[in-house]
N, C-alpha and C. Protein backbone atom coordinates (compact mmCIF):
# COMPACT_ATOMS: atom_id res chain seq x y z
N UNK A 1 18.71 27.23 -20.13
CA UNK A 1 18.72 28.79 -19.66
C UNK A 1 19.84 28.86 -19.05
N UNK A 2 20.08 30.30 -18.83
CA UNK A 2 21.74 30.58 -18.58
C UNK A 2 21.11 32.10 -17.44
N UNK A 3 21.98 32.60 -16.44
CA UNK A 3 21.87 33.91 -16.13
C UNK A 3 21.72 34.80 -17.17
N UNK A 4 21.91 34.78 -18.66
CA UNK A 4 21.96 36.05 -19.59
C UNK A 4 20.99 35.70 -19.88
N UNK A 5 20.34 34.59 -20.07
CA UNK A 5 18.96 34.30 -20.91
C UNK A 5 18.06 35.62 -20.49
N UNK A 6 17.23 36.47 -21.13
CA UNK A 6 16.49 37.47 -20.78
C UNK A 6 15.31 37.44 -20.17
N UNK A 7 14.81 38.18 -19.21
CA UNK A 7 13.87 37.98 -18.12
C UNK A 7 12.52 37.38 -18.92
N UNK A 8 12.25 38.13 -20.07
CA UNK A 8 11.09 37.76 -20.87
C UNK A 8 10.86 36.26 -21.12
N UNK A 9 11.94 35.94 -21.78
CA UNK A 9 11.92 34.45 -22.24
C UNK A 9 11.62 33.56 -20.94
N UNK A 10 12.47 33.60 -19.84
CA UNK A 10 12.59 32.79 -18.99
C UNK A 10 11.24 32.66 -18.49
N UNK A 11 10.65 33.99 -18.55
CA UNK A 11 9.14 33.80 -17.96
C UNK A 11 8.11 33.08 -18.97
N UNK A 12 8.36 33.62 -20.45
CA UNK A 12 7.77 32.12 -21.24
C UNK A 12 7.89 30.69 -21.24
N UNK A 13 9.42 30.86 -20.77
CA UNK A 13 9.48 29.13 -20.87
C UNK A 13 9.69 28.53 -19.49
N UNK A 14 8.87 29.43 -18.44
CA UNK A 14 8.27 28.92 -17.35
C UNK A 14 6.88 28.73 -17.47
N UNK A 15 6.28 29.64 -18.16
CA UNK A 15 4.97 29.32 -18.45
C UNK A 15 4.90 27.90 -19.41
N UNK A 16 6.01 27.60 -20.19
CA UNK A 16 5.61 26.65 -21.09
C UNK A 16 6.19 25.39 -20.49
N UNK A 17 6.38 25.49 -19.06
CA UNK A 17 6.42 24.08 -18.01
C UNK A 17 5.36 23.44 -17.81
N UNK A 18 4.42 24.80 -17.73
CA UNK A 18 2.64 24.68 -17.19
C UNK A 18 2.16 23.80 -18.42
N UNK A 19 2.50 24.45 -19.59
CA UNK A 19 1.99 23.39 -20.95
C UNK A 19 2.30 22.33 -21.17
N UNK A 20 3.57 22.19 -20.70
CA UNK A 20 4.20 20.77 -20.64
C UNK A 20 3.62 19.89 -19.66
N UNK A 21 3.26 20.57 -18.68
CA UNK A 21 2.76 19.46 -17.38
C UNK A 21 0.78 19.15 -17.96
N UNK A 22 0.26 20.08 -18.49
CA UNK A 22 -1.16 19.53 -18.79
C UNK A 22 -0.91 18.99 -20.22
N UNK A 23 -0.07 18.98 -21.07
CA UNK A 23 -0.13 18.05 -22.11
C UNK A 23 0.63 16.67 -21.75
N UNK A 24 1.15 16.62 -20.65
CA UNK A 24 1.41 14.81 -20.43
C UNK A 24 0.67 14.55 -19.33
N UNK A 25 0.09 15.20 -18.52
CA UNK A 25 -1.24 14.95 -17.96
C UNK A 25 -2.23 14.20 -18.77
N UNK A 26 -2.78 15.24 -19.97
CA UNK A 26 -3.77 14.67 -21.06
C UNK A 26 -2.95 13.44 -21.70
N UNK A 27 -2.00 13.40 -22.21
CA UNK A 27 -1.00 11.97 -23.09
C UNK A 27 -1.51 10.98 -22.18
N UNK A 28 -1.20 10.81 -21.03
CA UNK A 28 -1.35 9.63 -20.22
C UNK A 28 -2.78 9.44 -19.66
N UNK A 29 -3.80 9.81 -19.78
CA UNK A 29 -5.29 10.11 -18.85
C UNK A 29 -5.85 8.99 -20.32
N UNK A 30 -6.89 8.13 -19.58
CA UNK A 30 -7.11 7.07 -20.30
C UNK A 30 -8.43 7.80 -21.34
N UNK A 31 -9.07 8.98 -20.64
CA UNK A 31 -9.98 9.26 -21.60
C UNK A 31 -9.61 9.77 -23.32
N UNK A 32 -8.26 10.07 -23.24
CA UNK A 32 -7.62 10.37 -24.48
C UNK A 32 -7.89 9.15 -25.77
N UNK A 33 -7.74 7.93 -25.25
CA UNK A 33 -7.63 7.01 -26.06
C UNK A 33 -8.88 7.08 -27.24
N UNK A 34 -10.10 7.46 -26.41
CA UNK A 34 -11.21 7.60 -27.57
C UNK A 34 -11.58 8.97 -28.04
N UNK A 35 -10.99 9.94 -27.74
CA UNK A 35 -11.06 11.32 -27.95
C UNK A 35 -10.63 12.07 -29.09
N UNK A 36 -10.98 11.64 -30.32
CA UNK A 36 -9.76 12.72 -31.28
C UNK A 36 -9.68 13.84 -30.85
N UNK A 37 -10.66 14.82 -30.32
CA UNK A 37 -10.38 16.32 -29.98
C UNK A 37 -9.51 16.48 -29.06
N UNK A 38 -9.22 15.39 -28.14
CA UNK A 38 -8.45 15.55 -26.93
C UNK A 38 -7.16 15.27 -27.63
N UNK A 39 -7.23 14.44 -28.30
CA UNK A 39 -6.05 13.67 -29.02
C UNK A 39 -4.97 15.34 -29.60
N UNK A 40 -6.04 15.88 -30.32
CA UNK A 40 -5.75 16.84 -31.31
C UNK A 40 -4.98 17.97 -30.30
N UNK A 41 -5.48 18.13 -28.98
CA UNK A 41 -4.74 18.86 -27.99
C UNK A 41 -3.69 18.74 -27.67
N UNK A 42 -3.33 17.46 -27.68
CA UNK A 42 -2.48 16.89 -26.84
C UNK A 42 -1.10 16.98 -28.10
N UNK A 43 -1.98 16.72 -29.39
CA UNK A 43 -0.58 16.83 -30.40
C UNK A 43 -0.16 18.19 -30.30
N UNK A 44 -0.99 18.97 -30.44
CA UNK A 44 -1.06 20.83 -30.74
C UNK A 44 0.05 21.32 -29.63
N UNK A 45 -0.17 21.03 -28.44
CA UNK A 45 0.26 21.54 -27.23
C UNK A 45 2.01 20.66 -27.25
N UNK A 46 2.35 19.61 -27.96
CA UNK A 46 3.47 19.43 -28.35
C UNK A 46 4.13 19.55 -29.34
N UNK A 47 3.44 20.25 -30.65
CA UNK A 47 3.98 20.74 -31.45
C UNK A 47 4.67 21.89 -31.18
N UNK A 48 3.80 22.60 -30.17
CA UNK A 48 4.38 23.82 -29.65
C UNK A 48 5.62 24.09 -28.84
N UNK A 49 5.70 23.23 -27.95
CA UNK A 49 6.59 23.04 -27.39
C UNK A 49 7.70 22.39 -27.64
N UNK A 50 7.71 21.37 -28.80
CA UNK A 50 8.94 20.87 -29.53
C UNK A 50 9.86 21.96 -30.34
N UNK A 51 8.58 23.06 -30.82
CA UNK A 51 9.22 24.20 -31.63
C UNK A 51 10.09 25.39 -31.05
N UNK A 52 9.65 25.02 -29.99
CA UNK A 52 10.42 26.32 -28.99
C UNK A 52 11.59 25.72 -28.23
N UNK A 53 11.58 24.55 -28.27
CA UNK A 53 12.44 23.73 -27.53
C UNK A 53 14.20 24.14 -27.78
N UNK A 54 14.55 23.95 -28.51
CA UNK A 54 16.08 24.20 -29.22
C UNK A 54 16.06 25.53 -28.91
N UNK A 55 15.39 26.46 -29.49
CA UNK A 55 15.82 27.85 -29.03
C UNK A 55 16.11 28.21 -27.51
N UNK A 56 15.14 27.43 -26.81
CA UNK A 56 15.13 27.59 -25.61
C UNK A 56 16.73 26.76 -24.74
N UNK A 57 16.68 25.59 -25.29
CA UNK A 57 18.12 24.93 -25.06
C UNK A 57 19.49 26.34 -25.15
N UNK A 58 19.13 27.04 -26.20
CA UNK A 58 20.31 27.46 -27.13
C UNK A 58 20.21 28.46 -26.06
N UNK A 59 19.08 28.92 -25.32
CA UNK A 59 19.29 30.52 -24.87
C UNK A 59 18.90 31.50 -26.14
N UNK A 60 18.66 31.24 -26.92
CA UNK A 60 18.45 32.26 -27.86
C UNK A 60 17.04 32.55 -27.86
N UNK A 61 17.00 34.05 -27.55
CA UNK A 61 15.68 34.77 -26.93
C UNK A 61 15.04 35.02 -28.45
N UNK A 62 15.69 35.72 -29.48
CA UNK A 62 15.14 35.67 -30.63
C UNK A 62 14.76 34.91 -31.60
N UNK A 63 15.25 33.89 -31.33
CA UNK A 63 14.64 32.21 -32.34
C UNK A 63 13.23 32.00 -31.10
N UNK A 64 13.80 32.04 -30.27
CA UNK A 64 12.48 31.83 -29.44
C UNK A 64 11.25 32.24 -29.58
N UNK A 65 11.21 33.54 -29.92
CA UNK A 65 10.16 34.51 -29.99
C UNK A 65 10.11 34.36 -31.12
N UNK A 66 10.56 34.47 -32.28
CA UNK A 66 10.42 33.71 -33.94
C UNK A 66 9.75 33.04 -33.85
N UNK A 67 10.23 31.43 -33.55
CA UNK A 67 9.30 30.59 -33.64
C UNK A 67 8.11 30.59 -32.23
N UNK A 68 7.59 30.79 -31.13
CA UNK A 68 6.68 31.23 -30.67
C UNK A 68 5.44 32.02 -31.30
N UNK A 69 5.68 33.02 -32.51
CA UNK A 69 5.13 33.87 -32.95
C UNK A 69 4.63 33.24 -34.07
N UNK A 70 4.96 31.86 -34.74
CA UNK A 70 4.24 30.94 -35.37
C UNK A 70 3.79 29.96 -34.82
N UNK A 71 3.72 29.73 -33.26
CA UNK A 71 2.94 28.85 -33.04
C UNK A 71 1.62 29.28 -32.02
N UNK A 72 1.44 30.97 -31.62
CA UNK A 72 0.92 30.91 -30.97
C UNK A 72 -0.33 30.71 -31.10
N UNK A 73 -1.03 30.95 -32.32
CA UNK A 73 -2.31 30.59 -33.20
C UNK A 73 -2.67 28.78 -32.82
N UNK A 74 -2.09 28.19 -32.63
CA UNK A 74 -2.04 26.85 -32.29
C UNK A 74 -2.10 26.57 -31.11
N UNK A 75 -1.10 27.35 -30.48
CA UNK A 75 -1.38 27.30 -28.63
C UNK A 75 -2.70 27.73 -28.34
N UNK A 76 -3.28 29.06 -28.69
CA UNK A 76 -4.52 29.44 -28.56
C UNK A 76 -5.88 28.58 -28.70
N UNK A 77 -5.45 27.58 -30.01
CA UNK A 77 -6.65 27.01 -30.58
C UNK A 77 -6.52 25.94 -29.66
N UNK A 78 -5.07 25.19 -29.17
CA UNK A 78 -5.27 23.93 -28.61
C UNK A 78 -6.27 24.03 -27.17
N UNK A 79 -5.83 25.36 -26.66
CA UNK A 79 -6.56 25.70 -25.41
C UNK A 79 -7.62 26.07 -25.18
N UNK A 80 -8.89 26.95 -26.30
CA UNK A 80 -9.75 27.25 -26.60
C UNK A 80 -10.50 25.70 -26.42
N UNK A 81 -9.71 24.87 -27.31
CA UNK A 81 -11.05 23.45 -27.46
C UNK A 81 -10.67 22.75 -26.67
N UNK A 82 -9.52 22.58 -25.70
CA UNK A 82 -9.60 22.17 -24.31
C UNK A 82 -10.29 22.48 -23.16
N UNK A 83 -10.47 23.57 -23.33
CA UNK A 83 -11.38 24.57 -22.04
C UNK A 83 -12.75 24.30 -22.36
N UNK A 84 -13.43 24.22 -23.64
CA UNK A 84 -14.68 24.01 -24.21
C UNK A 84 -14.89 22.57 -23.99
N UNK A 85 -14.08 21.85 -24.27
CA UNK A 85 -14.51 20.02 -24.10
C UNK A 85 -14.80 19.75 -23.06
N UNK A 86 -13.32 20.12 -21.73
CA UNK A 86 -13.36 19.59 -20.39
C UNK A 86 -14.51 18.81 -19.98
N UNK A 87 -15.92 20.10 -19.93
CA UNK A 87 -16.71 19.52 -19.21
C UNK A 87 -17.46 18.08 -19.68
N UNK A 88 -16.90 17.87 -20.99
CA UNK A 88 -17.41 16.60 -21.58
C UNK A 88 -16.46 15.97 -21.31
N UNK A 89 -15.19 15.75 -21.18
CA UNK A 89 -14.53 14.80 -21.15
C UNK A 89 -14.65 13.86 -19.94
N UNK A 90 -14.33 15.42 -18.74
CA UNK A 90 -14.42 14.86 -17.53
C UNK A 90 -14.82 15.68 -16.55
N UNK A 91 -15.73 15.81 -15.53
CA UNK A 91 -15.83 16.78 -14.73
C UNK A 91 -14.83 16.96 -13.18
N UNK A 92 -13.71 15.61 -13.55
CA UNK A 92 -13.33 15.33 -12.39
C UNK A 92 -12.12 16.90 -12.31
N UNK A 93 -11.81 17.14 -11.07
CA UNK A 93 -11.02 18.33 -10.02
C UNK A 93 -9.64 18.59 -11.26
N UNK A 94 -9.19 17.00 -11.54
CA UNK A 94 -7.95 17.00 -12.33
C UNK A 94 -8.02 17.80 -13.58
N UNK A 95 -9.04 17.78 -14.22
CA UNK A 95 -9.33 17.97 -15.35
C UNK A 95 -9.88 19.10 -15.49
N UNK A 96 -10.30 19.74 -14.63
CA UNK A 96 -10.97 21.23 -14.45
C UNK A 96 -9.74 22.15 -14.16
N UNK A 97 -8.70 21.60 -13.17
CA UNK A 97 -7.40 22.44 -13.18
C UNK A 97 -6.53 22.34 -14.33
N UNK A 98 -6.66 21.68 -14.99
CA UNK A 98 -5.50 21.19 -16.14
C UNK A 98 -6.43 22.38 -17.15
N UNK A 99 -7.66 22.32 -17.31
CA UNK A 99 -7.60 23.55 -18.21
C UNK A 99 -7.84 24.98 -17.57
N UNK A 100 -8.00 24.96 -16.33
CA UNK A 100 -7.75 26.66 -15.78
C UNK A 100 -6.22 26.63 -16.13
N UNK A 101 -5.44 26.07 -15.63
CA UNK A 101 -3.99 25.90 -15.55
C UNK A 101 -3.36 26.26 -17.22
N UNK A 102 -3.72 25.27 -17.97
CA UNK A 102 -3.51 25.95 -19.73
C UNK A 102 -3.77 27.32 -19.88
N UNK A 103 -5.63 27.34 -19.79
CA UNK A 103 -5.83 28.99 -19.94
C UNK A 103 -4.99 29.80 -19.19
N UNK A 104 -4.73 29.94 -17.78
CA UNK A 104 -3.79 30.98 -17.72
C UNK A 104 -2.61 30.64 -18.23
N UNK A 105 -1.97 29.56 -18.13
CA UNK A 105 -0.13 29.90 -18.82
C UNK A 105 -0.79 30.43 -20.43
N UNK A 106 -1.72 30.07 -21.52
CA UNK A 106 -1.54 30.59 -22.55
C UNK A 106 -1.90 32.12 -22.57
N UNK A 107 -3.14 32.63 -21.66
CA UNK A 107 -3.12 34.12 -21.60
C UNK A 107 -2.02 34.96 -21.43
N UNK A 108 -1.31 34.54 -20.46
CA UNK A 108 0.10 34.97 -19.92
C UNK A 108 1.20 35.05 -21.37
N UNK A 109 1.04 34.06 -21.87
CA UNK A 109 1.95 33.43 -22.83
C UNK A 109 1.87 34.32 -23.84
N UNK A 110 0.46 34.47 -24.62
CA UNK A 110 0.08 35.78 -25.67
C UNK A 110 0.37 36.56 -25.58
N UNK A 111 0.12 37.12 -24.24
CA UNK A 111 0.24 38.32 -23.67
C UNK A 111 2.11 38.92 -23.51
N UNK A 112 2.61 38.13 -22.86
CA UNK A 112 4.12 38.31 -22.95
C UNK A 112 4.58 38.32 -24.32
N UNK A 113 4.31 37.61 -25.04
CA UNK A 113 5.03 36.96 -26.51
C UNK A 113 4.81 38.66 -27.39
N UNK A 114 3.20 39.19 -27.47
CA UNK A 114 2.60 40.16 -27.81
C UNK A 114 3.78 41.33 -27.38
N UNK A 115 3.82 41.55 -26.41
CA UNK A 115 4.49 42.34 -25.59
C UNK A 115 6.08 42.70 -26.38
N UNK A 116 6.33 41.35 -26.29
CA UNK A 116 7.74 41.34 -26.70
C UNK A 116 8.54 41.76 -28.19
N UNK A 117 7.27 40.84 -29.05
CA UNK A 117 7.74 41.84 -30.49
C UNK A 117 7.00 42.64 -30.53
N UNK A 118 6.16 43.49 -29.67
CA UNK A 118 6.14 45.08 -30.05
C UNK A 118 7.19 45.87 -29.71
N UNK A 119 7.96 45.46 -28.67
CA UNK A 119 8.75 45.86 -28.59
C UNK A 119 10.33 46.35 -29.25
């Protein structure tokens, strides 16, 4: 990212950093080893992040938005699944905050990316 990178892309990329941190937290927790649904959340989040990574590194807003459009549903499904299963996986505050963080980031990502594609 550079100073010339469009502001909406900078904001989307900043929100993706929250998705990355949730994914990393889940990937390294013991609970993921025995839970196929949690493993699918981790894989789906990584898939979304991997898809937008090259466009982010290049500062290519058009490519970033195009790829994000393709992956928005996957991010939405992963978020919904994690929020749904989180209480069963663990009631620990770290898991509750991860679910809240992912839901918040996802909601903003969805709204920003829709607004950008409508513009």
